[in-house]
């Protein structure tokens, strides 16, 4: 019996627009937090929504201070999207100050490990991250004494 299969290698490249979320991703890459506030009910969403998930009203851009409280943490060894190597990661769910929902992000590698209840802040995107979903990176805020 003959083998009737053959191997095809394909490399694809896409140029994908951020569209309406451009202000969010531009700010996030610089360690800032752009959210959207519902014009009707006033709820604030970070990550942003174009329309309020509660009442469907349009939302406007607002800037948050970029800080929040850790509400959950997980440590894993995984491969991030569009990367080839497995590495250790610490992922967080953060209740962002000024937002009515929680955000997902990664804790940057430092000597300080976060725990639920710790205050964190967004930091500028590390150069090693290649995909926009990887730009929500946080560090633990040091106590003021």
C-alpha atoms as a PDB file:
ATOM      1  CA  UNK A   1       0.000   0.000   0.000  1.00  0.00           C
ATOM      2  CA  UNK A   2       1.430   3.399  -0.961  1.00  0.00           C
ATOM      3  CA  UNK A   3       1.418   6.484   1.212  1.00  0.00           C
ATOM      4  CA  UNK A   4      -0.938   9.027  -0.375  1.00  0.00           C
ATOM      5  CA  UNK A   5      -0.193  11.940   1.983  1.00  0.00           C
ATOM      6  CA  UNK A   6       2.238  14.769   1.549  1.00  0.00           C
ATOM      7  CA  UNK A   7       3.509  17.536   3.789  1.00  0.00           C
ATOM      8  CA  UNK A   8       2.704  21.196   3.138  1.00  0.00           C
ATOM      9  CA  UNK A   9       4.340  23.967   5.163  1.00  0.00           C
ATOM     10  CA  UNK A  10       2.517  27.280   5.240  1.00  0.00           C
ATOM     11  CA  UNK A  11       3.595  30.552   6.822  1.00  0.00           C
ATOM     12  CA  UNK A  12       0.812  33.073   7.185  1.00  0.00           C
ATOM     13  CA  UNK A  13       1.052  36.710   8.114  1.00  0.00           C
ATOM     14  CA  UNK A  14      -1.917  38.921   8.875  1.00  0.00           C
ATOM     15  CA  UNK A  15      -2.159  42.658   9.427  1.00  0.00           C
ATOM     16  CA  UNK A  16      -4.934  42.999  11.963  1.00  0.00           C
ATOM     17  CA  UNK A  17      -6.369  46.352  13.010  1.00  0.00           C
ATOM     18  CA  UNK A  18      -7.177  47.151  16.635  1.00  0.00           C
ATOM     19  CA  UNK A  19     -10.167  49.088  15.345  1.00  0.00           C
ATOM     20  CA  UNK A  20     -12.186  50.679  18.116  1.00  0.00           C
ATOM     21  CA  UNK A  21      -9.859  49.241  20.776  1.00  0.00           C
ATOM     22  CA  UNK A  22      -6.763  51.120  19.547  1.00  0.00           C
ATOM     23  CA  UNK A  23      -6.726  53.571  22.512  1.00  0.00           C
ATOM     24  CA  UNK A  24      -6.868  50.633  24.948  1.00  0.00           C
ATOM     25  CA  UNK A  25      -3.928  48.751  23.404  1.00  0.00           C
ATOM     26  CA  UNK A  26      -1.817  51.879  22.861  1.00  0.00           C
ATOM     27  CA  UNK A  27      -2.264  52.885  26.506  1.00  0.00           C
ATOM     28  CA  UNK A  28      -1.708  49.358  27.800  1.00  0.00           C
ATOM     29  CA  UNK A  29       1.598  49.098  25.942  1.00  0.00           C
ATOM     30  CA  UNK A  30       2.751  52.191  27.826  1.00  0.00           C
ATOM     31  CA  UNK A  31       1.543  51.018  31.243  1.00  0.00           C
ATOM     32  CA  UNK A  32      -1.647  53.125  31.253  1.00  0.00           C
ATOM     33  CA  UNK A  33      -5.279  52.053  31.631  1.00  0.00           C
ATOM     34  CA  UNK A  34      -7.919  53.264  29.162  1.00  0.00           C
ATOM     35  CA  UNK A  35     -11.428  52.049  29.990  1.00  0.00           C
ATOM     36  CA  UNK A  36     -14.928  52.771  28.694  1.00  0.00           C
ATOM     37  CA  UNK A  37     -17.774  54.280  30.732  1.00  0.00           C
ATOM     38  CA  UNK A  38     -21.421  53.702  29.830  1.00  0.00           C
ATOM     39  CA  UNK A  39     -23.146  56.940  28.836  1.00  0.00           C
ATOM     40  CA  UNK A  40     -26.367  55.703  30.464  1.00  0.00           C
ATOM     41  CA  UNK A  41     -25.644  53.723  33.649  1.00  0.00           C
ATOM     42  CA  UNK A  42     -22.117  55.046  34.317  1.00  0.00           C
ATOM     43  CA  UNK A  43     -20.501  51.624  34.773  1.00  0.00           C
ATOM     44  CA  UNK A  44     -16.827  51.484  33.784  1.00  0.00           C
ATOM     45  CA  UNK A  45     -15.303  48.545  31.891  1.00  0.00           C
ATOM     46  CA  UNK A  46     -11.625  47.559  31.823  1.00  0.00           C
ATOM     47  CA  UNK A  47     -10.946  45.882  29.472  1.00  0.00           C
ATOM     48  CA  UNK A  48     -13.312  48.142  27.552  1.00  0.00           C
ATOM     49  CA  UNK A  49     -16.567  47.393  25.746  1.00  0.00           C
ATOM     50  CA  UNK A  50     -17.865  49.415  22.791  1.00  0.00           C
ATOM     51  CA  UNK A  51     -21.382  49.126  24.193  1.00  0.00           C
ATOM     52  CA  UNK A  52     -22.429  48.539  27.779  1.00  0.00           C
ATOM     53  CA  UNK A  53     -23.045  44.830  28.429  1.00  0.00           C
ATOM     54  CA  UNK A  54     -25.684  45.822  31.009  1.00  0.00           C
ATOM     55  CA  UNK A  55     -27.953  48.092  28.936  1.00  0.00           C
ATOM     56  CA  UNK A  56     -26.469  48.283  25.406  1.00  0.00           C
ATOM     57  CA  UNK A  57     -25.723  52.017  25.583  1.00  0.00           C
ATOM     58  CA  UNK A  58     -22.641  53.486  23.914  1.00  0.00           C
ATOM     59  CA  UNK A  59     -19.541  53.963  26.054  1.00  0.00           C
ATOM     60  CA  UNK A  60     -16.977  56.779  26.169  1.00  0.00           C
ATOM     61  CA  UNK A  61     -13.231  56.547  26.823  1.00  0.00           C
ATOM     62  CA  UNK A  62     -11.922  57.348  30.315  1.00  0.00           C
ATOM     63  CA  UNK A  63      -8.443  56.913  31.768  1.00  0.00           C
ATOM     64  CA  UNK A  64      -8.014  55.033  35.044  1.00  0.00           C
ATOM     65  CA  UNK A  65      -5.042  55.432  37.362  1.00  0.00           C
ATOM     66  CA  UNK A  66      -3.726  51.953  36.429  1.00  0.00           C
ATOM     67  CA  UNK A  67      -3.832  50.468  39.919  1.00  0.00           C
ATOM     68  CA  UNK A  68      -5.931  47.713  41.397  1.00  0.00           C
ATOM     69  CA  UNK A  69      -6.269  44.927  43.946  1.00  0.00           C
ATOM     70  CA  UNK A  70      -5.305  41.316  43.228  1.00  0.00           C
ATOM     71  CA  UNK A  71      -8.389  39.126  43.613  1.00  0.00           C
ATOM     72  CA  UNK A  72      -6.915  35.856  42.323  1.00  0.00           C
ATOM     73  CA  UNK A  73      -3.511  34.529  41.344  1.00  0.00           C
ATOM     74  CA  UNK A  74      -2.237  31.430  39.606  1.00  0.00           C
ATOM     75  CA  UNK A  75       1.260  30.200  38.832  1.00  0.00           C
ATOM     76  CA  UNK A  76       1.835  28.059  35.759  1.00  0.00           C
ATOM     77  CA  UNK A  77       4.414  26.842  33.321  1.00  0.00           C
ATOM     78  CA  UNK A  78       3.030  27.470  29.857  1.00  0.00           C
ATOM     79  CA  UNK A  79       3.660  28.715  26.358  1.00  0.00           C
ATOM     80  CA  UNK A  80       2.153  32.120  25.607  1.00  0.00           C
ATOM     81  CA  UNK A  81       0.380  32.682  22.277  1.00  0.00           C
ATOM     82  CA  UNK A  82       2.775  33.183  19.366  1.00  0.00           C
ATOM     83  CA  UNK A  83       5.804  31.978  21.338  1.00  0.00           C
ATOM     84  CA  UNK A  84       7.761  28.759  21.067  1.00  0.00           C
ATOM     85  CA  UNK A  85       9.149  28.307  24.563  1.00  0.00           C
ATOM     86  CA  UNK A  86       7.519  27.203  27.790  1.00  0.00           C
ATOM     87  CA  UNK A  87       8.212  29.460  30.766  1.00  0.00           C
ATOM     88  CA  UNK A  88       6.992  30.129  34.298  1.00  0.00           C
ATOM     89  CA  UNK A  89       4.218  32.725  34.518  1.00  0.00           C
ATOM     90  CA  UNK A  90       2.155  34.301  37.287  1.00  0.00           C
ATOM     91  CA  UNK A  91      -1.291  35.381  36.095  1.00  0.00           C
ATOM     92  CA  UNK A  92      -3.596  37.693  38.032  1.00  0.00           C
ATOM     93  CA  UNK A  93      -7.214  38.768  38.163  1.00  0.00           C
ATOM     94  CA  UNK A  94      -7.232  42.401  39.226  1.00  0.00           C
ATOM     95  CA  UNK A  95     -10.096  44.599  40.431  1.00  0.00           C
ATOM     96  CA  UNK A  96      -8.958  47.808  38.747  1.00  0.00           C
ATOM     97  CA  UNK A  97      -9.479  51.052  40.678  1.00  0.00           C
ATOM     98  CA  UNK A  98     -12.345  52.913  39.026  1.00  0.00           C
ATOM     99  CA  UNK A  99     -13.673  49.912  37.045  1.00  0.00           C
ATOM    100  CA  UNK A 100     -16.713  47.744  37.695  1.00  0.00           C
ATOM    101  CA  UNK A 101     -15.194  44.512  36.382  1.00  0.00           C
ATOM    102  CA  UNK A 102     -11.957  42.564  36.777  1.00  0.00           C
ATOM    103  CA  UNK A 103      -8.971  42.462  34.426  1.00  0.00           C
ATOM    104  CA  UNK A 104      -6.655  39.583  33.544  1.00  0.00           C
ATOM    105  CA  UNK A 105      -2.913  40.133  33.354  1.00  0.00           C
ATOM    106  CA  UNK A 106       0.534  38.844  34.162  1.00  0.00           C
ATOM    107  CA  UNK A 107       2.781  39.743  37.078  1.00  0.00           C
ATOM    108  CA  UNK A 108       6.226  40.797  35.869  1.00  0.00           C
ATOM    109  CA  UNK A 109       9.159  38.874  37.256  1.00  0.00           C
ATOM    110  CA  UNK A 110      10.455  40.577  40.415  1.00  0.00           C
ATOM    111  CA  UNK A 111      11.463  39.442  43.873  1.00  0.00           C
ATOM    112  CA  UNK A 112       7.984  40.383  45.137  1.00  0.00           C
ATOM    113  CA  UNK A 113       5.255  37.788  44.646  1.00  0.00           C
ATOM    114  CA  UNK A 114       1.666  39.034  44.709  1.00  0.00           C
ATOM    115  CA  UNK A 115      -1.104  37.638  46.885  1.00  0.00           C
ATOM    116  CA  UNK A 116      -4.838  38.315  46.930  1.00  0.00           C
ATOM    117  CA  UNK A 117      -5.436  41.757  48.452  1.00  0.00           C
ATOM    118  CA  UNK A 118      -2.108  43.203  47.290  1.00  0.00           C
ATOM    119  CA  UNK A 119      -2.144  46.473  45.365  1.00  0.00           C
ATOM    120  CA  UNK A 120      -0.642  46.319  41.885  1.00  0.00           C
ATOM    121  CA  UNK A 121      -0.167  48.736  39.003  1.00  0.00           C
ATOM    122  CA  UNK A 122       0.167  48.388  35.263  1.00  0.00           C
ATOM    123  CA  UNK A 123       3.671  48.642  33.831  1.00  0.00           C
ATOM    124  CA  UNK A 124       4.984  49.302  30.343  1.00  0.00           C
ATOM    125  CA  UNK A 125       4.798  46.261  28.072  1.00  0.00           C
ATOM    126  CA  UNK A 126       7.981  44.159  28.193  1.00  0.00           C
ATOM    127  CA  UNK A 127       9.746  44.062  24.818  1.00  0.00           C
ATOM    128  CA  UNK A 128       9.682  40.258  24.799  1.00  0.00           C
ATOM    129  CA  UNK A 129       5.886  40.131  24.418  1.00  0.00           C
ATOM    130  CA  UNK A 130       4.746  39.858  20.842  1.00  0.00           C
ATOM    131  CA  UNK A 131       0.947  39.742  20.999  1.00  0.00           C
ATOM    132  CA  UNK A 132      -1.380  42.503  22.280  1.00  0.00           C
ATOM    133  CA  UNK A 133      -3.172  40.163  24.678  1.00  0.00           C
ATOM    134  CA  UNK A 134       0.135  39.864  26.544  1.00  0.00           C
ATOM    135  CA  UNK A 135       0.428  43.590  27.271  1.00  0.00           C
ATOM    136  CA  UNK A 136      -1.565  43.701  30.525  1.00  0.00           C
ATOM    137  CA  UNK A 137       1.413  43.385  32.840  1.00  0.00           C
ATOM    138  CA  UNK A 138       1.458  44.364  36.498  1.00  0.00           C
ATOM    139  CA  UNK A 139       3.906  44.828  39.360  1.00  0.00           C
ATOM    140  CA  UNK A 140       3.257  44.860  43.094  1.00  0.00           C
ATOM    141  CA  UNK A 141       3.094  48.356  44.583  1.00  0.00           C
ATOM    142  CA  UNK A 142       5.475  48.872  47.485  1.00  0.00           C
ATOM    143  CA  UNK A 143       3.908  50.054  50.719  1.00  0.00           C
ATOM    144  CA  UNK A 144       4.607  53.673  51.683  1.00  0.00           C
ATOM    145  CA  UNK A 145       6.064  52.765  55.020  1.00  0.00           C
END
